[in-house]
Amino acid sequence: MAASRLELNLVRLLCRCEAMAAEKRDPDEWRLEKYVGALEDMLQALKAQASKPASEVINEYSRKVDFLKGMLQAEKLTSSSEKALANQFLAPGRVPTTARERVPATKTVHLQSRARYTSEMRSELLGTDSAEEPELNVRKRTGLAGPRPGDEKQSAAELDLVLQRHQNLQEKLAEEMLGLARSLKTNTLAAQSVIKKDNQTLSHSLKMADQNLEKLKTESERLEQHTQKSVNWLLWAMLIIVCFIFISMILFIRIVPKLK
């Protein structure tokens, strides 16, 4: 299946971004970030097309775009240790972007950035400036400031100690993250159980409320019927009493003579 024009443009821009990421860039360089944002838009448009590539190709494009985006975010961090840690979690592409590449360009960029961050971290820990390292190397080669064997052993031991500390710190961080994940899972299960019990209680309460409402309606109807019956009997009794009093008065008037 022939690639669409959008996919060809995405591949060209992706190759350009990979080449820019492999180069040494100024801190004020802004084009790569804009290009990566355009890659995200083009990738979303490619996913929405009817004649889109296979899912494996789409996943590979997404993997490379996410790698470039994560690399830019890692470069914005302050300390070199944070950059190195963020770089370890990046996943480069698995397949070369073009047929001319033997190794995926993102993998090469990943290795370069890892080496650069390690060098910066070593410079920070040993109190040296990375900009001075070429000059020191020249001095070492020319013999102007050749280090003594004891200093080299001490520097190597310090470097091993620093690397060991960072490895221990990373392992401790991983254990803490694992513990937090387990705690979150336990709390989630407990909250789920509580919510389930509350839902059962609420359902039972709603059922009882419906039953009470039905009983209340039935009793209201019975009370209304009883009230209507009582009113009817009372009305007839009053009519009978009034009639009896009227007849009694007439008889009383007829029987008893008038006073003279």
Protein backbone atom coordinates (compact mmCIF):
# COMPACT_ATOMS: atom_id res chain seq x y z
CA MET A 1 0.00 0.00 0.00
CA ALA A 2 1.48 3.35 -1.10
CA ALA A 3 2.13 5.92 1.60
CA SER A 4 -0.08 8.99 1.58
CA ARG A 5 1.21 12.53 1.24
CA LEU A 6 0.58 13.16 4.93
CA GLU A 7 2.64 10.12 5.93
CA LEU A 8 5.50 11.16 3.65
CA ASN A 9 5.51 14.65 5.18
CA LEU A 10 5.47 13.10 8.66
CA VAL A 11 8.45 10.87 7.83
CA ARG A 12 10.41 13.80 6.39
CA LEU A 13 9.72 15.97 9.43
CA LEU A 14 10.52 13.07 11.76
CA CYS A 15 13.90 12.57 10.06
CA ARG A 16 14.57 16.28 10.38
CA CYS A 17 13.72 16.23 14.10
CA GLU A 18 15.92 13.19 14.70
CA ALA A 19 18.82 14.92 12.95
CA MET A 20 18.33 18.10 15.00
CA ALA A 21 18.12 16.07 18.22
CA ALA A 22 21.44 14.37 17.41
CA GLU A 23 23.17 17.72 16.86
CA LYS A 24 24.47 20.01 19.58
CA ARG A 25 21.86 22.74 19.99
CA ASP A 26 21.84 26.09 21.73
CA PRO A 27 19.70 26.46 24.87
CA ASP A 28 17.59 29.08 23.06
CA GLU A 29 16.85 26.77 20.13
CA TRP A 30 13.06 26.66 19.67
CA ARG A 31 12.54 25.06 16.28
CA LEU A 32 12.79 21.45 17.47
CA GLU A 33 10.01 21.92 20.01
CA LYS A 34 7.77 23.47 17.34
CA TYR A 35 8.59 20.65 14.94
CA VAL A 36 7.69 18.03 17.56
CA GLY A 37 4.37 19.79 18.16
CA ALA A 38 3.71 19.69 14.42
CA LEU A 39 4.59 15.98 14.44
CA GLU A 40 1.95 15.35 17.08
CA ASP A 41 -0.69 17.14 15.01
CA MET A 42 0.27 15.25 11.86
CA LEU A 43 0.23 11.94 13.75
CA GLN A 44 -3.29 12.62 15.06
CA ALA A 45 -4.42 13.50 11.54
CA LEU A 46 -2.81 10.33 10.19
CA LYS A 47 -4.65 8.22 12.77
CA ALA A 48 -7.94 9.81 11.74
CA GLN A 49 -7.49 9.02 8.03
CA ALA A 50 -9.50 6.23 6.46
CA SER A 51 -6.49 4.86 4.55
CA LYS A 52 -4.11 4.96 7.48
CA PRO A 53 -1.03 2.71 7.75
CA ALA A 54 -0.89 -0.49 9.77
CA SER A 55 -1.17 -0.33 13.52
CA GLU A 56 2.48 -1.38 13.95
CA VAL A 57 3.64 1.57 11.84
CA ILE A 58 1.38 3.96 13.72
CA ASN A 59 2.71 2.66 17.04
CA GLU A 60 6.31 3.11 15.84
CA TYR A 61 5.60 6.70 14.81
CA SER A 62 3.95 7.38 18.17
CA ARG A 63 6.91 5.82 19.99
CA LYS A 64 9.40 8.08 18.22
CA VAL A 65 7.30 11.24 18.68
CA ASP A 66 6.86 10.44 22.39
CA PHE A 67 10.61 9.90 22.69
CA LEU A 68 11.39 13.30 21.16
CA LYS A 69 8.79 14.97 23.35
CA GLY A 70 10.18 13.29 26.48
CA MET A 71 13.73 14.23 25.50
CA LEU A 72 12.73 17.90 25.24
CA GLN A 73 11.02 17.74 28.62
CA ALA A 74 14.12 16.12 30.16
CA GLU A 75 16.32 18.91 28.80
CA LYS A 76 14.20 21.47 30.65
CA LEU A 77 15.00 19.92 34.05
CA THR A 78 17.40 21.75 36.33
CA SER A 79 19.86 19.16 37.65
CA SER A 80 21.79 16.65 35.59
CA SER A 81 20.72 13.79 37.89
CA GLU A 82 17.08 14.51 37.13
CA LYS A 83 17.88 14.64 33.43
CA ALA A 84 19.70 11.29 33.62
CA LEU A 85 16.84 9.70 35.54
CA ALA A 86 14.25 11.02 33.09
CA ASN A 87 16.39 9.83 30.18
CA GLN A 88 16.36 6.28 31.53
CA PHE A 89 12.57 6.13 31.25
CA LEU A 90 12.56 7.18 27.58
CA ALA A 91 11.89 4.49 24.99
CA PRO A 92 13.50 5.10 21.56
CA GLY A 93 12.19 3.71 18.31
CA ARG A 94 12.78 0.10 17.35
CA VAL A 95 12.71 0.41 13.54
CA PRO A 96 14.80 2.84 11.45
CA THR A 97 12.82 5.71 9.97
CA THR A 98 14.47 5.43 6.56
CA ALA A 99 16.10 2.57 4.69
CA ARG A 100 19.52 4.29 4.86
CA GLU A 101 19.63 3.91 8.65
CA ARG A 102 21.11 0.74 10.10
CA VAL A 103 20.29 1.72 13.68
CA PRO A 104 17.23 3.81 14.62
CA ALA A 105 18.21 7.46 14.94
CA THR A 106 16.25 7.82 18.16
CA LYS A 107 18.31 5.04 19.73
CA THR A 108 21.49 6.87 18.79
CA VAL A 109 20.11 10.10 20.23
CA HIS A 110 19.17 8.22 23.39
CA LEU A 111 22.69 6.91 23.85
CA GLN A 112 24.21 10.33 23.16
CA SER A 113 21.95 12.09 25.65
CA ARG A 114 22.64 9.40 28.26
CA ALA A 115 26.39 9.87 27.86
CA ARG A 116 26.04 13.65 27.98
CA TYR A 117 23.94 13.63 31.14
CA THR A 118 26.31 11.17 32.79
CA SER A 119 29.23 13.43 31.97
CA GLU A 120 27.40 16.48 33.33
CA MET A 121 26.47 14.61 36.49
CA ARG A 122 30.07 13.49 36.98
CA SER A 123 31.26 17.06 36.48
CA GLU A 124 28.80 18.37 39.06
CA LEU A 125 29.71 15.71 41.59
CA LEU A 126 33.48 16.09 41.15
CA GLY A 127 33.27 19.89 41.09
CA THR A 128 34.67 20.31 37.56
CA ASP A 129 33.27 22.24 34.65
CA SER A 130 32.40 20.31 31.51
CA ALA A 131 33.70 23.23 29.42
CA GLU A 132 37.16 22.79 30.98
CA GLU A 133 37.40 19.07 30.20
CA PRO A 134 38.80 19.53 26.65
CA GLU A 135 41.52 21.83 28.01
CA LEU A 136 42.38 19.33 30.73
CA ASN A 137 42.53 16.55 28.17
CA VAL A 138 44.91 18.61 26.04
CA ARG A 139 47.10 19.25 29.06
CA LYS A 140 47.12 15.57 29.88
CA ARG A 141 48.14 14.67 26.34
CA THR A 142 50.88 17.34 26.17
CA GLY A 143 52.21 16.51 29.61
CA LEU A 144 51.79 20.05 30.98
CA ALA A 145 49.67 18.93 33.89
CA GLY A 146 49.91 15.18 33.98
CA PRO A 147 48.09 13.64 36.97
CA ARG A 148 49.83 11.34 39.32
CA PRO A 149 48.78 7.65 39.53
CA GLY A 150 47.50 8.15 43.08
CA ASP A 151 45.19 10.97 41.94
CA GLU A 152 43.86 8.82 39.11
CA LYS A 153 43.10 5.97 41.50
CA GLN A 154 41.45 8.36 43.92
CA SER A 155 39.33 9.92 41.17
CA ALA A 156 38.29 6.48 39.91
CA ALA A 157 37.36 5.41 43.44
CA GLU A 158 35.36 8.60 43.97
CA LEU A 159 33.59 8.11 40.66
CA ASP A 160 32.75 4.50 41.52
CA LEU A 161 31.46 5.64 44.90
CA VAL A 162 29.30 8.35 43.33
CA LEU A 163 27.91 5.95 40.74
CA GLN A 164 27.19 3.41 43.48
CA ARG A 165 25.35 6.06 45.49
CA HIS A 166 23.25 7.00 42.50
CA GLN A 167 22.48 3.37 41.81
CA ASN A 168 21.44 2.88 45.44
CA LEU A 169 19.33 6.03 45.22
CA GLN A 170 17.61 4.78 42.09
CA GLU A 171 16.95 1.39 43.69
CA LYS A 172 15.55 3.09 46.78
CA LEU A 173 13.37 5.30 44.61
CA ALA A 174 12.10 2.26 42.72
CA GLU A 175 11.29 0.48 45.99
CA GLU A 176 9.44 3.55 47.27
CA MET A 177 7.46 3.78 44.05
CA LEU A 178 6.63 0.08 44.31
CA GLY A 179 5.53 0.55 47.93
CA LEU A 180 3.39 3.52 46.95
CA ALA A 181 1.82 1.48 44.18
CA ARG A 182 1.02 -1.34 46.58
CA SER A 183 -0.39 1.11 49.14
CA LEU A 184 -2.49 2.76 46.46
CA LYS A 185 -3.81 -0.63 45.35
CA THR A 186 -4.69 -1.55 48.95
CA ASN A 187 -6.43 1.77 49.55
CA THR A 188 -8.30 1.43 46.27
CA LEU A 189 -9.54 -2.05 47.17
CA ALA A 190 -10.58 -0.84 50.65
CA ALA A 191 -12.40 2.15 49.18
CA GLN A 192 -14.09 -0.12 46.66
CA SER A 193 -15.29 -2.41 49.44
CA VAL A 194 -16.61 0.53 51.48
CA ILE A 195 -18.38 1.98 48.45
CA LYS A 196 -19.91 -1.43 47.71
CA LYS A 197 -21.23 -1.72 51.27
CA ASP A 198 -22.58 1.84 51.13
CA ASN A 199 -24.34 1.05 47.86
CA GLN A 200 -25.93 -2.03 49.41
CA THR A 201 -27.06 -0.02 52.46
CA LEU A 202 -28.43 2.72 50.22
CA SER A 203 -30.31 0.17 48.09
CA HIS A 204 -31.81 -1.40 51.24
CA SER A 205 -32.81 2.03 52.55
CA LEU A 206 -34.46 2.93 49.25
CA LYS A 207 -36.33 -0.38 49.26
CA MET A 208 -37.56 0.20 52.82
CA ALA A 209 -38.57 3.76 51.91
CA ASP A 210 -40.61 2.46 48.97
CA GLN A 211 -42.32 -0.09 51.21
CA ASN A 212 -43.10 2.53 53.85
CA LEU A 213 -44.48 4.82 51.16
CA GLU A 214 -46.79 2.09 49.91
CA LYS A 215 -47.98 1.36 53.45
CA LEU A 216 -48.54 5.07 54.06
CA LYS A 217 -50.66 5.33 50.93
CA THR A 218 -52.74 2.32 51.98
CA GLU A 219 -53.31 3.68 55.50
CA SER A 220 -54.18 7.11 54.10
CA GLU A 221 -56.84 5.58 51.87
CA ARG A 222 -58.27 3.59 54.78
CA LEU A 223 -58.31 6.67 56.98
CA GLU A 224 -60.04 8.66 54.27
CA GLN A 225 -62.71 5.98 53.88
CA HIS A 226 -63.20 5.80 57.64
CA THR A 227 -63.49 9.58 57.85
CA GLN A 228 -66.12 9.62 55.11
CA LYS A 229 -68.15 6.92 56.88
CA SER A 230 -68.02 8.77 60.21
CA VAL A 231 -69.18 11.99 58.61
CA ASN A 232 -72.14 10.23 56.97
CA TRP A 233 -73.34 8.61 60.23
CA LEU A 234 -72.97 11.89 62.11
CA LEU A 235 -75.00 13.75 59.51
CA TRP A 236 -77.86 11.25 59.64
CA ALA A 237 -77.86 11.30 63.43
CA MET A 238 -78.11 15.10 63.49
CA LEU A 239 -80.95 15.04 60.97
CA ILE A 240 -82.86 12.51 63.07
CA ILE A 241 -82.35 14.57 66.24
CA VAL A 242 -83.52 17.76 64.53
CA CYS A 243 -86.60 16.02 63.16
CA PHE A 244 -87.39 14.55 66.57
CA ILE A 245 -87.08 17.95 68.26
CA PHE A 246 -89.28 19.57 65.60
CA ILE A 247 -92.02 16.95 65.99
CA SER A 248 -91.79 17.14 69.78
CA MET A 249 -92.23 20.90 69.71
CA ILE A 250 -95.29 20.62 67.50
CA LEU A 251 -96.86 18.02 69.79
CA PHE A 252 -95.99 20.09 72.82
CA ILE A 253 -97.69 23.12 71.30
CA ARG A 254 -100.79 21.11 70.42
CA ILE A 255 -101.16 19.30 73.74
CA VAL A 256 -100.32 22.05 76.19
CA PRO A 257 -103.07 24.75 76.27
CA LYS A 258 -102.19 28.29 75.76
CA LEU A 259 -101.88 30.41 78.89
CA LYS A 260 -104.56 33.05 79.30
